[in-house]
C-alpha atoms as a PDB file:
ATOM      1  CA  MET A   1      37.915  18.312 -42.316  1.00  0.00           C
ATOM      2  CA  LEU A   2      35.405  17.984 -39.697  1.00  0.00           C
ATOM      3  CA  SER A   3      31.910  19.066 -40.548  1.00  0.00           C
ATOM      4  CA  ALA A   4      30.196  21.589 -38.663  1.00  0.00           C
ATOM      5  CA  ARG A   5      27.219  18.902 -37.547  1.00  0.00           C
ATOM      6  CA  THR A   6      30.042  16.844 -36.208  1.00  0.00           C
ATOM      7  CA  LEU A   7      31.685  19.187 -34.211  1.00  0.00           C
ATOM      8  CA  PRO A   8      29.072  19.867 -31.179  1.00  0.00           C
ATOM      9  CA  LEU A   9      28.697  15.931 -31.249  1.00  0.00           C
ATOM     10  CA  LEU A  10      32.265  15.763 -29.973  1.00  0.00           C
ATOM     11  CA  ALA A  11      32.137  18.931 -27.786  1.00  0.00           C
ATOM     12  CA  GLY A  12      29.086  16.788 -25.754  1.00  0.00           C
ATOM     13  CA  LEU A  13      31.084  13.737 -25.877  1.00  0.00           C
ATOM     14  CA  ALA A  14      33.953  15.529 -24.432  1.00  0.00           C
ATOM     15  CA  ILE A  15      32.252  17.060 -21.247  1.00  0.00           C
ATOM     16  CA  CYS A  16      30.162  13.901 -20.686  1.00  0.00           C
ATOM     17  CA  LEU A  17      34.135  11.966 -20.625  1.00  0.00           C
ATOM     18  CA  ALA A  18      35.021  14.676 -17.914  1.00  0.00           C
ATOM     19  CA  LEU A  19      32.135  14.762 -16.070  1.00  0.00           C
ATOM     20  CA  ASP A  20      32.421  11.062 -15.601  1.00  0.00           C
ATOM     21  CA  LEU A  21      36.139  11.353 -14.797  1.00  0.00           C
ATOM     22  CA  ARG A  22      35.512  14.015 -12.145  1.00  0.00           C
ATOM     23  CA  VAL A  23      32.948  11.564 -10.664  1.00  0.00           C
ATOM     24  CA  ALA A  24      35.199   8.720 -11.036  1.00  0.00           C
ATOM     25  CA  LEU A  25      37.779  10.431  -8.990  1.00  0.00           C
ATOM     26  CA  ARG A  26      35.703  12.000  -6.554  1.00  0.00           C
ATOM     27  CA  GLY A  27      34.993   8.344  -5.113  1.00  0.00           C
ATOM     28  CA  GLU A  28      32.626   7.431  -2.660  1.00  0.00           C
ATOM     29  CA  PRO A  29      31.587  10.603  -0.205  1.00  0.00           C
ATOM     30  CA  GLU A  30      32.676  10.821   3.551  1.00  0.00           C
ATOM     31  CA  PRO A  31      29.860   9.653   5.618  1.00  0.00           C
ATOM     32  CA  ALA A  32      28.573  11.291   8.038  1.00  0.00           C
ATOM     33  CA  ASP A  33      29.447  10.997  11.519  1.00  0.00           C
ATOM     34  CA  GLU A  34      28.138   9.292  14.350  1.00  0.00           C
ATOM     35  CA  ALA A  35      27.325  13.524  15.680  1.00  0.00           C
ATOM     36  CA  ARG A  36      25.806  14.391  12.377  1.00  0.00           C
ATOM     37  CA  MET A  37      23.726  11.499  12.916  1.00  0.00           C
ATOM     38  CA  ARG A  38      22.398  12.050  15.856  1.00  0.00           C
ATOM     39  CA  ALA A  39      21.801  15.940  15.096  1.00  0.00           C
ATOM     40  CA  ALA A  40      19.505  14.395  12.828  1.00  0.00           C
ATOM     41  CA  ARG A  41      17.648  12.468  14.352  1.00  0.00           C
ATOM     42  CA  ALA A  42      17.072  15.010  17.342  1.00  0.00           C
ATOM     43  CA  LEU A  43      16.122  17.376  14.555  1.00  0.00           C
ATOM     44  CA  ILE A  44      13.587  14.596  13.054  1.00  0.00           C
ATOM     45  CA  GLU A  45      12.076  14.295  16.090  1.00  0.00           C
ATOM     46  CA  GLY A  46      11.971  17.756  17.144  1.00  0.00           C
ATOM     47  CA  GLU A  47       9.894  18.155  13.727  1.00  0.00           C
ATOM     48  CA  ARG A  48       7.571  15.111  13.623  1.00  0.00           C
ATOM     49  CA  LYS A  49       3.966  15.077  13.884  1.00  0.00           C
ATOM     50  CA  SER A  50       0.961  12.413  14.057  1.00  0.00           C
ATOM     51  CA  GLY A  51       0.555  10.710  10.762  1.00  0.00           C
ATOM     52  CA  ASP A  52       3.904  12.317   9.361  1.00  0.00           C
ATOM     53  CA  LEU A  53       5.717   9.917   7.384  1.00  0.00           C
ATOM     54  CA  LEU A  54       9.680   9.563   7.436  1.00  0.00           C
ATOM     55  CA  VAL A  55      11.846   8.884   4.784  1.00  0.00           C
ATOM     56  CA  HIS A  56      16.096   8.744   4.482  1.00  0.00           C
ATOM     57  CA  SER A  57      17.737   8.840   1.104  1.00  0.00           C
ATOM     58  CA  PRO A  58      18.838   5.628  -0.125  1.00  0.00           C
ATOM     59  CA  LEU A  59      22.593   6.657  -0.642  1.00  0.00           C
ATOM     60  CA  LEU A  60      22.988   6.574   3.826  1.00  0.00           C
ATOM     61  CA  SER A  61      24.495   3.461   4.436  1.00  0.00           C
ATOM     62  CA  VAL A  62      23.798   1.048   6.847  1.00  0.00           C
ATOM     63  CA  ARG A  63      26.220   2.273   9.345  1.00  0.00           C
ATOM     64  CA  GLU A  64      25.229   5.670   9.286  1.00  0.00           C
ATOM     65  CA  LEU A  65      21.207   4.789   9.694  1.00  0.00           C
ATOM     66  CA  ALA A  66      22.303   2.236  12.607  1.00  0.00           C
ATOM     67  CA  VAL A  67      22.265   6.131  14.564  1.00  0.00           C
ATOM     68  CA  LEU A  68      18.258   6.344  14.018  1.00  0.00           C
ATOM     69  CA  GLY A  69      17.968   3.519  16.220  1.00  0.00           C
ATOM     70  CA  ASP A  70      14.027   3.056  16.095  1.00  0.00           C
ATOM     71  CA  LEU A  71      12.671   5.608  14.195  1.00  0.00           C
ATOM     72  CA  PRO A  72      10.285   4.352  11.220  1.00  0.00           C
ATOM     73  CA  ILE A  73      12.100   5.498   8.789  1.00  0.00           C
ATOM     74  CA  GLY A  74      13.026   4.185   5.206  1.00  0.00           C
ATOM     75  CA  PRO A  75      14.235   4.441   1.965  1.00  0.00           C
ATOM     76  CA  GLY A  76      10.524   4.009  -0.036  1.00  0.00           C
ATOM     77  CA  LEU A  77       9.061   6.921  -2.366  1.00  0.00           C
ATOM     78  CA  PRO A  78       5.338   6.817  -0.645  1.00  0.00           C
ATOM     79  CA  SER A  79       2.699   6.028  -3.168  1.00  0.00           C
ATOM     80  CA  PRO A  80       1.247   9.056  -4.865  1.00  0.00           C
ATOM     81  CA  GLU A  81      -2.289   8.878  -2.171  1.00  0.00           C
ATOM     82  CA  LEU A  82       0.125   9.437   0.391  1.00  0.00           C
ATOM     83  CA  LEU A  83       2.182  11.884  -1.127  1.00  0.00           C
ATOM     84  CA  SER A  84      -1.086  14.143  -1.890  1.00  0.00           C
ATOM     85  CA  SER A  85      -1.959  13.529   1.666  1.00  0.00           C
ATOM     86  CA  ARG A  86       0.497  12.904   3.997  1.00  0.00           C
ATOM     87  CA  ARG A  87       2.945  15.808   5.245  1.00  0.00           C
ATOM     88  CA  ILE A  88       6.345  14.213   4.862  1.00  0.00           C
ATOM     89  CA  LEU A  89       9.964  14.461   6.533  1.00  0.00           C
ATOM     90  CA  VAL A  90      13.103  13.377   4.390  1.00  0.00           C
ATOM     91  CA  LEU A  91      16.536  13.149   5.529  1.00  0.00           C
ATOM     92  CA  ASP A  92      18.888  13.623   2.123  1.00  0.00           C
ATOM     93  CA  ASP A  93      21.878  14.178   0.670  1.00  0.00           C
ATOM     94  CA  ALA A  94      22.705  17.365   0.161  1.00  0.00           C
ATOM     95  CA  ALA A  95      24.575  16.994  -2.890  1.00  0.00           C
ATOM     96  CA  THR A  96      22.949  14.397  -4.359  1.00  0.00           C
ATOM     97  CA  PRO A  97      18.566  14.775  -3.413  1.00  0.00           C
ATOM     98  CA  MET A  98      16.071  12.407  -4.066  1.00  0.00           C
ATOM     99  CA  TYR A  99      13.403  12.948  -6.823  1.00  0.00           C
ATOM    100  CA  GLY A 100       9.676  12.820  -6.218  1.00  0.00           C
ATOM    101  CA  PHE A 101       9.267  15.548  -3.428  1.00  0.00           C
ATOM    102  CA  GLU A 102       8.553  19.355  -3.537  1.00  0.00           C
ATOM    103  CA  GLU A 103       9.830  20.573  -0.224  1.00  0.00           C
ATOM    104  CA  ILE A 104       8.336  24.006   1.581  1.00  0.00           C
ATOM    105  CA  GLU A 105      11.506  24.064   3.726  1.00  0.00           C
ATOM    106  CA  LYS A 106      14.691  22.963   3.766  1.00  0.00           C
ATOM    107  CA  VAL A 107      16.845  22.517   7.085  1.00  0.00           C
ATOM    108  CA  GLU A 108      20.903  21.901   6.539  1.00  0.00           C
ATOM    109  CA  ILE A 109      22.299  19.813   9.702  1.00  0.00           C
ATOM    110  CA  GLU A 110      25.496  21.319  10.877  1.00  0.00           C
ATOM    111  CA  GLU A 111      26.352  19.794  13.992  1.00  0.00           C
ATOM    112  CA  GLY A 112      29.383  17.059  13.152  1.00  0.00           C
ATOM    113  CA  ALA A 113      31.007  16.302  10.245  1.00  0.00           C
ATOM    114  CA  GLY A 114      31.273  13.882   6.876  1.00  0.00           C
ATOM    115  CA  ARG A 115      28.191  13.851   4.369  1.00  0.00           C
ATOM    116  CA  ASP A 116      26.307  17.173   3.883  1.00  0.00           C
ATOM    117  CA  LEU A 117      22.741  16.246   4.715  1.00  0.00           C
ATOM    118  CA  VAL A 118      19.030  18.219   5.100  1.00  0.00           C
ATOM    119  CA  LEU A 119      15.856  17.194   6.441  1.00  0.00           C
ATOM    120  CA  ARG A 120      13.314  18.669   3.833  1.00  0.00           C
ATOM    121  CA  ILE A 121      10.118  18.997   4.637  1.00  0.00           C
ATOM    122  CA  VAL A 122       6.825  17.957   2.216  1.00  0.00           C
ATOM    123  CA  GLU A 123       3.711  19.410   2.810  1.00  0.00           C
ATOM    124  CA  ARG A 124       0.391  17.455   1.975  1.00  0.00           C
ATOM    125  CA  LYS A 125      -1.915  19.256  -0.525  1.00  0.00           C
ATOM    126  CA  ILE A 126      -4.818  17.509  -0.206  1.00  0.00           C
ATOM    127  CA  ASP A 127      -7.434  18.117   2.827  1.00  0.00           C
ATOM    128  CA  GLY A 128     -10.222  15.615   1.858  1.00  0.00           C
ATOM    129  CA  GLU A 129     -11.222  12.048   1.424  1.00  0.00           C
ATOM    130  CA  VAL A 130      -8.323  10.287  -0.089  1.00  0.00           C
ATOM    131  CA  ALA A 131      -8.386   6.987  -1.598  1.00  0.00           C
ATOM    132  CA  LEU A 132      -5.548   4.458  -0.126  1.00  0.00           C
ATOM    133  CA  PHE A 133      -6.651   1.515  -1.258  1.00  0.00           C
ATOM    134  CA  ASP A 134      -9.025  -0.561  -3.664  1.00  0.00           C
ATOM    135  CA  LEU A 135      -9.122  -4.179  -3.465  1.00  0.00           C
ATOM    136  CA  ALA A 136     -10.069  -4.654  -7.303  1.00  0.00           C
ATOM    137  CA  SER A 137      -7.015  -2.414  -8.692  1.00  0.00           C
ATOM    138  CA  ASP A 138      -4.515  -3.420  -5.784  1.00  0.00           C
ATOM    139  CA  LEU A 139      -5.227  -6.912  -5.516  1.00  0.00           C
ATOM    140  CA  ASP A 140      -0.882  -7.487  -5.411  1.00  0.00           C
ATOM    141  CA  ARG A 141      -1.376  -6.245  -2.091  1.00  0.00           C
ATOM    142  CA  ALA A 142      -3.950  -8.382  -0.517  1.00  0.00           C
ATOM    143  CA  ARG A 143      -3.259 -11.987   0.660  1.00  0.00           C
ATOM    144  CA  MET A 144      -5.905 -15.094   0.698  1.00  0.00           C
ATOM    145  CA  ARG A 145      -6.106 -18.321   2.726  1.00  0.00           C
ATOM    146  CA  ILE A 146      -8.778 -20.840   3.775  1.00  0.00           C
ATOM    147  CA  GLU A 147      -9.214 -21.927   7.101  1.00  0.00           C
ATOM    148  CA  ARG A 148     -11.186 -25.070   8.294  1.00  0.00           C
ATOM    149  CA  GLY A 149     -11.814 -25.962  12.116  1.00  0.00           C
ATOM    150  CA  GLY A 150      -9.207 -23.230  13.177  1.00  0.00           C
ATOM    151  CA  ARG A 151      -6.312 -24.251  10.773  1.00  0.00           C
ATOM    152  CA  ILE A 152      -5.324 -23.393   7.487  1.00  0.00           C
ATOM    153  CA  THR A 153      -5.742 -25.238   5.454  1.00  0.00           C
ATOM    154  CA  SER A 154      -4.610 -23.237   1.846  1.00  0.00           C
ATOM    155  CA  GLU A 155      -2.278 -20.346   1.161  1.00  0.00           C
ATOM    156  CA  CYS A 156      -3.700 -18.955  -1.924  1.00  0.00           C
ATOM    157  CA  SER A 157      -0.677 -18.070  -3.441  1.00  0.00           C
ATOM    158  CA  ALA A 158      -0.293 -20.553  -6.485  1.00  0.00           C
ATOM    159  CA  PRO A 159      -0.794 -18.630 -10.103  1.00  0.00           C
ATOM    160  CA  ARG A 160      -3.660 -19.644 -12.148  1.00  0.00           C
ATOM    161  CA  SER A 161      -3.823 -19.628 -15.970  1.00  0.00           C
ATOM    162  CA  GLU A 162      -6.845 -17.162 -16.199  1.00  0.00           C
ATOM    163  CA  GLY A 163      -5.263 -14.523 -13.769  1.00  0.00           C
ATOM    164  CA  GLY A 164      -5.094 -14.132 -10.257  1.00  0.00           C
ATOM    165  CA  LYS A 165      -4.316 -16.895  -7.214  1.00  0.00           C
ATOM    166  CA  ALA A 166      -5.372 -20.294  -6.699  1.00  0.00           C
ATOM    167  CA  CYS A 167      -5.753 -21.922  -3.866  1.00  0.00           C
ATOM    168  CA  PRO A 168      -3.637 -25.523  -3.532  1.00  0.00           C
ATOM    169  CA  GLY A 169      -6.043 -28.113  -2.459  1.00  0.00           C
ATOM    170  CA  GLU A 170      -9.611 -26.491  -2.333  1.00  0.00           C
ATOM    171  CA  ALA A 171     -11.762 -26.671  -4.877  1.00  0.00           C
ATOM    172  CA  GLU A 172     -10.619 -24.720  -8.240  1.00  0.00           C
ATOM    173  CA  TRP A 173     -13.607 -22.066  -7.892  1.00  0.00           C
ATOM    174  CA  LEU A 174     -12.390 -21.068  -4.751  1.00  0.00           C
ATOM    175  CA  TYR A 175      -9.729 -18.111  -5.918  1.00  0.00           C
ATOM    176  CA  LEU A 176      -8.773 -14.862  -5.481  1.00  0.00           C
ATOM    177  CA  ALA A 177      -8.904 -12.947  -8.880  1.00  0.00           C
ATOM    178  CA  PRO A 178     -10.987 -10.112 -10.192  1.00  0.00           C
ATOM    179  CA  ARG A 179     -14.243 -10.810 -12.284  1.00  0.00           C
ATOM    180  CA  THR A 180     -17.176  -9.015 -14.071  1.00  0.00           C
ATOM    181  CA  LEU A 181     -20.697  -9.955 -12.806  1.00  0.00           C
ATOM    182  CA  ALA A 182     -24.066  -8.920 -13.589  1.00  0.00           C
ATOM    183  CA  ILE A 183     -24.857  -7.252 -10.240  1.00  0.00           C
ATOM    184  CA  ALA A 184     -28.489  -5.504  -9.602  1.00  0.00           C
ATOM    185  CA  GLY A 185     -29.016  -5.338 -13.202  1.00  0.00           C
ATOM    186  CA  GLN A 186     -25.357  -3.693 -14.052  1.00  0.00           C
ATOM    187  CA  SER A 187     -21.378  -5.442 -15.323  1.00  0.00           C
ATOM    188  CA  GLY A 188     -19.601  -4.194 -12.731  1.00  0.00           C
ATOM    189  CA  THR A 189     -15.841  -5.519 -11.608  1.00  0.00           C
ATOM    190  CA  CYS A 190     -15.497  -7.141  -8.571  1.00  0.00           C
ATOM    191  CA  VAL A 191     -13.131  -9.409  -6.856  1.00  0.00           C
ATOM    192  CA  TRP A 192     -14.667 -13.393  -6.396  1.00  0.00           C
ATOM    193  CA  ALA A 193     -14.954 -14.020  -3.351  1.00  0.00           C
ATOM    194  CA  HIS A 194     -17.425 -17.804  -3.403  1.00  0.00           C
ATOM    195  CA  PRO A 195     -17.436 -18.877   0.133  1.00  0.00           C
ATOM    196  CA  THR A 196     -17.564 -22.393   0.782  1.00  0.00           C
ATOM    197  CA  THR A 197     -19.193 -24.511   3.441  1.00  0.00           C
ATOM    198  CA  GLY A 198     -17.529 -25.257   6.818  1.00  0.00           C
ATOM    199  CA  GLY A 199     -14.613 -23.349   5.989  1.00  0.00           C
ATOM    200  CA  THR A 200     -13.652 -19.382   5.809  1.00  0.00           C
ATOM    201  CA  ILE A 201     -12.033 -17.575   3.473  1.00  0.00           C
ATOM    202  CA  VAL A 202      -9.823 -14.805   4.368  1.00  0.00           C
ATOM    203  CA  ILE A 203      -8.911 -12.131   2.730  1.00  0.00           C
ATOM    204  CA  GLU A 204      -5.968 -10.247   4.422  1.00  0.00           C
ATOM    205  CA  LEU A 205      -5.614  -6.196   3.566  1.00  0.00           C
ATOM    206  CA  PRO A 206      -2.614  -4.072   3.859  1.00  0.00           C
ATOM    207  CA  ALA A 207      -1.802  -2.201   7.093  1.00  0.00           C
ATOM    208  CA  GLN A 208      -2.049   1.415   6.375  1.00  0.00           C
ATOM    209  CA  PRO A 209       0.199   4.233   8.155  1.00  0.00           C
ATOM    210  CA  GLU A 210      -1.205   6.432  10.909  1.00  0.00           C
ATOM    211  CA  PRO A 211      -2.765   9.556   9.211  1.00  0.00           C
ATOM    212  CA  PRO A 212      -2.045  13.157  10.449  1.00  0.00           C
ATOM    213  CA  ALA A 213      -4.011  14.794  13.524  1.00  0.00           C
ATOM    214  CA  GLY A 214      -7.815  15.399  12.826  1.00  0.00           C
ATOM    215  CA  ARG A 215      -8.108  12.606  10.265  1.00  0.00           C
ATOM    216  CA  ALA A 216      -9.044   9.074  10.537  1.00  0.00           C
ATOM    217  CA  LEU A 217      -8.920   5.823   8.288  1.00  0.00           C
ATOM    218  CA  ARG A 218     -11.972   4.010   7.301  1.00  0.00           C
ATOM    219  CA  ILE A 219     -13.202   1.285   5.340  1.00  0.00           C
ATOM    220  CA  GLU A 220     -16.159   0.450   3.372  1.00  0.00           C
ATOM    221  CA  VAL A 221     -16.980  -3.130   2.065  1.00  0.00           C
ATOM    222  CA  SER A 222     -19.878  -3.783  -0.782  1.00  0.00           C
ATOM    223  CA  ALA A 223     -20.767  -7.048  -1.821  1.00  0.00           C
ATOM    224  CA  GLY A 224     -23.461  -9.086  -3.704  1.00  0.00           C
ATOM    225  CA  LEU A 225     -24.114 -12.475  -5.733  1.00  0.00           C
ATOM    226  CA  ALA A 226     -24.873 -12.608  -9.498  1.00  0.00           C
ATOM    227  CA  ASP A 227     -28.314 -11.806 -10.361  1.00  0.00           C
ATOM    228  CA  ASP A 228     -28.372 -15.387 -12.367  1.00  0.00           C
ATOM    229  CA  ALA A 229     -27.192 -17.259  -8.952  1.00  0.00           C
ATOM    230  CA  VAL A 230     -30.405 -15.352  -7.189  1.00  0.00           C
ATOM    231  CA  ARG A 231     -32.803 -16.119  -9.709  1.00  0.00           C
ATOM    232  CA  THR A 232     -31.546 -19.811  -9.824  1.00  0.00           C
ATOM    233  CA  THR A 233     -31.315 -21.101  -6.426  1.00  0.00           C
ATOM    234  CA  PRO A 234     -34.583 -19.772  -4.831  1.00  0.00           C
ATOM    235  CA  ASP A 235     -33.380 -21.850  -1.387  1.00  0.00           C
ATOM    236  CA  GLY A 236     -29.572 -20.259  -1.573  1.00  0.00           C
ATOM    237  CA  ALA A 237     -28.016 -19.431   1.888  1.00  0.00           C
ATOM    238  CA  GLU A 238     -26.844 -15.861   2.925  1.00  0.00           C
ATOM    239  CA  VAL A 239     -23.441 -14.602   2.331  1.00  0.00           C
ATOM    240  CA  ARG A 240     -21.267 -12.975   5.441  1.00  0.00           C
ATOM    241  CA  THR A 241     -18.311 -11.095   5.260  1.00  0.00           C
ATOM    242  CA  ALA A 242     -16.856  -9.640   8.788  1.00  0.00           C
ATOM    243  CA  ILE A 243     -14.578  -6.866   8.513  1.00  0.00           C
ATOM    244  CA  VAL A 244     -11.978  -8.096  11.409  1.00  0.00           C
ATOM    245  CA  GLN A 245      -9.134  -6.361  12.621  1.00  0.00           C
ATOM    246  CA  GLY A 246      -6.842  -7.123  15.881  1.00  0.00           C
ATOM    247  CA  GLY A 247      -9.377  -9.956  16.455  1.00  0.00           C
ATOM    248  CA  ALA A 248     -12.298  -8.159  16.953  1.00  0.00           C
ATOM    249  CA  MET A 249     -15.117  -7.769  14.372  1.00  0.00           C
ATOM    250  CA  ARG A 250     -15.760  -4.383  13.144  1.00  0.00           C
ATOM    251  CA  ALA A 251     -18.715  -4.439  11.103  1.00  0.00           C
ATOM    252  CA  ALA A 252     -20.326  -7.345   8.498  1.00  0.00           C
ATOM    253  CA  VAL A 253     -21.746  -7.241   5.181  1.00  0.00           C
ATOM    254  CA  VAL A 254     -24.472  -9.815   4.920  1.00  0.00           C
ATOM    255  CA  VAL A 255     -25.713 -10.768   1.724  1.00  0.00           C
ATOM    256  CA  PRO A 256     -29.150 -12.670   1.461  1.00  0.00           C
ATOM    257  CA  ASN A 257     -30.663 -14.459  -1.371  1.00  0.00           C
ATOM    258  CA  ARG A 258     -31.813 -11.038  -3.242  1.00  0.00           C
ATOM    259  CA  ILE A 259     -30.728  -9.183  -5.993  1.00  0.00           C
ATOM    260  CA  GLY A 260     -28.063  -5.948  -5.471  1.00  0.00           C
ATOM    261  CA  TRP A 261     -25.441  -4.882  -3.801  1.00  0.00           C
ATOM    262  CA  PHE A 262     -25.309  -4.773   0.062  1.00  0.00           C
ATOM    263  CA  ARG A 263     -22.183  -2.267   2.641  1.00  0.00           C
ATOM    264  CA  ALA A 264     -20.916  -2.046   5.945  1.00  0.00           C
ATOM    265  CA  SER A 265     -18.404   0.423   6.609  1.00  0.00           C
ATOM    266  CA  SER A 266     -16.312   1.346  10.103  1.00  0.00           C
ATOM    267  CA  GLU A 267     -13.279   3.228  11.111  1.00  0.00           C
ATOM    268  CA  ILE A 268     -10.599   1.328  11.433  1.00  0.00           C
ATOM    269  CA  ALA A 269      -7.082   1.539  13.528  1.00  0.00           C
ATOM    270  CA  PRO A 270      -3.527   2.246  11.862  1.00  0.00           C
ATOM    271  CA  ASN A 271      -0.448  -0.283  11.326  1.00  0.00           C
ATOM    272  CA  GLN A 272      -2.491  -2.833  11.517  1.00  0.00           C
ATOM    273  CA  PRO A 273      -3.793  -5.648   8.462  1.00  0.00           C
ATOM    274  CA  ILE A 274      -7.619  -5.966   8.213  1.00  0.00           C
ATOM    275  CA  GLU A 275      -9.141  -9.346   7.433  1.00  0.00           C
ATOM    276  CA  LEU A 276     -12.178  -9.781   5.268  1.00  0.00           C
ATOM    277  CA  GLN A 277     -13.656 -13.514   6.869  1.00  0.00           C
ATOM    278  CA  VAL A 278     -16.141 -14.842   4.101  1.00  0.00           C
ATOM    279  CA  THR A 279     -19.105 -17.653   5.503  1.00  0.00           C
ATOM    280  CA  THR A 280     -21.926 -19.302   4.686  1.00  0.00           C
ATOM    281  CA  ASP A 281     -23.661 -22.323   5.336  1.00  0.00           C
ATOM    282  CA  ARG A 282     -23.926 -23.817   2.007  1.00  0.00           C
ATOM    283  CA  ASP A 283     -22.002 -22.710  -0.523  1.00  0.00           C
ATOM    284  CA  GLY A 284     -24.087 -24.258  -3.956  1.00  0.00           C
ATOM    285  CA  ARG A 285     -24.504 -21.331  -6.403  1.00  0.00           C
ATOM    286  CA  ARG A 286     -23.012 -18.498  -4.055  1.00  0.00           C
ATOM    287  CA  HIS A 287     -21.098 -16.610  -6.982  1.00  0.00           C
ATOM    288  CA  HIS A 288     -20.427 -13.854  -4.192  1.00  0.00           C
ATOM    289  CA  CYS A 289     -18.310 -11.033  -5.350  1.00  0.00           C
ATOM    290  CA  LEU A 290     -17.233  -8.100  -3.356  1.00  0.00           C
ATOM    291  CA  ASN A 291     -15.069  -4.521  -3.134  1.00  0.00           C
ATOM    292  CA  ALA A 292     -13.043  -3.259  -0.318  1.00  0.00           C
ATOM    293  CA  ARG A 293     -11.801   0.422  -0.506  1.00  0.00           C
ATOM    294  CA  ILE A 294      -9.517   2.138   2.411  1.00  0.00           C
ATOM    295  CA  THR A 295      -9.704   5.651   3.159  1.00  0.00           C
ATOM    296  CA  GLU A 296      -8.392   8.522   4.713  1.00  0.00           C
ATOM    297  CA  GLU A 297     -10.766  11.533   5.605  1.00  0.00           C
ATOM    298  CA  PRO A 298     -11.413  14.511   7.901  1.00  0.00           C
END
């Protein structure tokens, strides 16, 4: 005889098996036809505003998505920062919606046939400053290379045993990694950016999407030399970090042989990577470290 405890377990198992059988028998849903996808595109284009992010369900096939043409739309869930600050249009499968979105409006796409689709409109929650990128904590999204005489001599992508990325063919002290240094009398975390005589360290930061109307993208770079490097090198050279985008310098941080942090900031354009170009005339004991922060603000 089955115990009272076993009966509920068997009942639950039977329900699960029935659901699995139902899914198996149902098969793949009929894809949305071209007319429905054209209607979806027209709806998105009519609703879209400057700075909106476009997302589509990963269940949509390449054939279905082809009708959307050159719309900048993808299946990835935006970062928490963008979810909090951007209006998002989600083209979703009505029967199996994506998780992670709290829409304020949902529009069914009725024209055409096949897969049921909805456009979910997700409004932003924050109107103040939003941090989009921080070099020290988002280092895996940055790339570094060494340039000499106008050509790239090393792509800094080799793993280091101590962490971060080394630059093959260059001095071992040229690398991309977080460090903790004593700067201005305090211990601080920053990204090691020791310059090199006769060359340029280029740290490339990722492009950021276009902000909504009335908001702008801004970068702030802070840099400094380790206190002991300043004290023990009285003739130490200054270190320069140029903030470059689209081939034009937007601002620069110049660190003299003096204890302290030095800063520069600039508005930046969307959809273009940013380069931090670090140079010096003499690299002796230039234990130089920097931070970079990209924000979106009113």
